[in-house]
C-alpha atoms as a PDB file:
ATOM      1  CA  MET A   1       0.000   0.000   0.000  1.00  0.00           C
ATOM      2  CA  PRO A   2       1.667   3.207  -1.087  1.00  0.00           C
ATOM      3  CA  GLY A   3      -0.181   5.366   1.489  1.00  0.00           C
ATOM      4  CA  ASN A   4       0.869   3.077   4.326  1.00  0.00           C
ATOM      5  CA  GLN A   5       4.526   3.236   3.226  1.00  0.00           C
ATOM      6  CA  ASN A   6       4.398   7.046   3.267  1.00  0.00           C
ATOM      7  CA  LYS A   7       3.008   6.958   6.827  1.00  0.00           C
ATOM      8  CA  GLN A   8       5.776   4.579   7.937  1.00  0.00           C
ATOM      9  CA  ASP A   9       8.423   6.767   6.323  1.00  0.00           C
ATOM     10  CA  ALA A  10       6.988   9.855   8.068  1.00  0.00           C
ATOM     11  CA  GLU A  11       6.998   8.056  11.437  1.00  0.00           C
ATOM     12  CA  ARG A  12      10.602   6.926  10.924  1.00  0.00           C
ATOM     13  CA  GLN A  13      11.643  10.490  10.187  1.00  0.00           C
ATOM     14  CA  GLU A  14       9.591  12.033  13.034  1.00  0.00           C
ATOM     15  CA  TYR A  15      10.723   9.593  15.727  1.00  0.00           C
ATOM     16  CA  GLY A  16      14.185   8.812  14.378  1.00  0.00           C
ATOM     17  CA  LEU A  17      13.338   5.140  13.942  1.00  0.00           C
ATOM     18  CA  ASP A  18      15.812   2.821  12.301  1.00  0.00           C
ATOM     19  CA  LEU A  19      13.929  -0.433  11.745  1.00  0.00           C
ATOM     20  CA  ASP A  20      16.838  -2.030   9.902  1.00  0.00           C
ATOM     21  CA  VAL A  21      18.936  -2.404  13.085  1.00  0.00           C
ATOM     22  CA  ASP A  22      20.141  -5.864  14.134  1.00  0.00           C
ATOM     23  CA  THR A  23      18.841  -5.991  17.720  1.00  0.00           C
ATOM     24  CA  SER A  24      20.618  -9.295  18.423  1.00  0.00           C
ATOM     25  CA  VAL A  25      23.811  -7.315  19.072  1.00  0.00           C
ATOM     26  CA  SER A  26      22.219  -4.719  21.372  1.00  0.00           C
ATOM     27  CA  ASP A  27      23.697  -3.663  24.717  1.00  0.00           C
ATOM     28  CA  TYR A  28      20.405  -3.342  26.588  1.00  0.00           C
ATOM     29  CA  VAL A  29      18.491  -5.976  28.529  1.00  0.00           C
ATOM     30  CA  TRP A  30      14.770  -6.736  28.368  1.00  0.00           C
ATOM     31  CA  LEU A  31      13.189  -7.325  31.767  1.00  0.00           C
ATOM     32  CA  PRO A  32       9.838  -8.965  32.442  1.00  0.00           C
ATOM     33  CA  VAL A  33       7.389  -6.287  33.562  1.00  0.00           C
ATOM     34  CA  ARG A  34       4.183  -7.115  35.443  1.00  0.00           C
ATOM     35  CA  PHE A  35       1.266  -4.666  35.572  1.00  0.00           C
ATOM     36  CA  ASP A  36      -1.277  -4.378  38.365  1.00  0.00           C
ATOM     37  CA  GLY A  37      -3.770  -1.744  37.286  1.00  0.00           C
ATOM     38  CA  GLU A  38      -1.694   1.302  36.375  1.00  0.00           C
ATOM     39  CA  MET A  39       1.287   0.219  38.478  1.00  0.00           C
ATOM     40  CA  ALA A  40       4.249  -1.538  36.816  1.00  0.00           C
ATOM     41  CA  TYR A  41       6.495  -3.976  38.681  1.00  0.00           C
ATOM     42  CA  ILE A  42       9.801  -5.612  37.828  1.00  0.00           C
ATOM     43  CA  ASP A  43      10.065  -8.716  40.007  1.00  0.00           C
ATOM     44  CA  TRP A  44      13.571  -9.969  40.785  1.00  0.00           C
ATOM     45  CA  LYS A  45      14.381 -13.304  39.146  1.00  0.00           C
ATOM     46  CA  ASP A  46      17.786 -14.990  39.100  1.00  0.00           C
ATOM     47  CA  GLU A  47      16.776 -16.495  35.749  1.00  0.00           C
ATOM     48  CA  TRP A  48      13.814 -16.221  33.412  1.00  0.00           C
ATOM     49  CA  LYS A  49      12.780 -17.284  29.928  1.00  0.00           C
ATOM     50  CA  VAL A  50      10.461 -15.580  27.480  1.00  0.00           C
ATOM     51  CA  GLU A  51       8.409 -18.791  27.410  1.00  0.00           C
ATOM     52  CA  ASP A  52       7.547 -18.235  31.100  1.00  0.00           C
ATOM     53  CA  TYR A  53       5.520 -15.183  30.061  1.00  0.00           C
ATOM     54  CA  ASP A  54       3.482 -16.462  27.108  1.00  0.00           C
END
């Protein structure tokens, strides 16, 4: 869809998005976040797997 591509291009430019980045070599860590109403919690875990949160 040409119109959709223009919207995506505008969003990339507005927010400085680079969707062609290889995130497998990133330096940041994803943590499991739990929400209770409007409150967010990060519970301490020595280990966790994405599959635990499906």
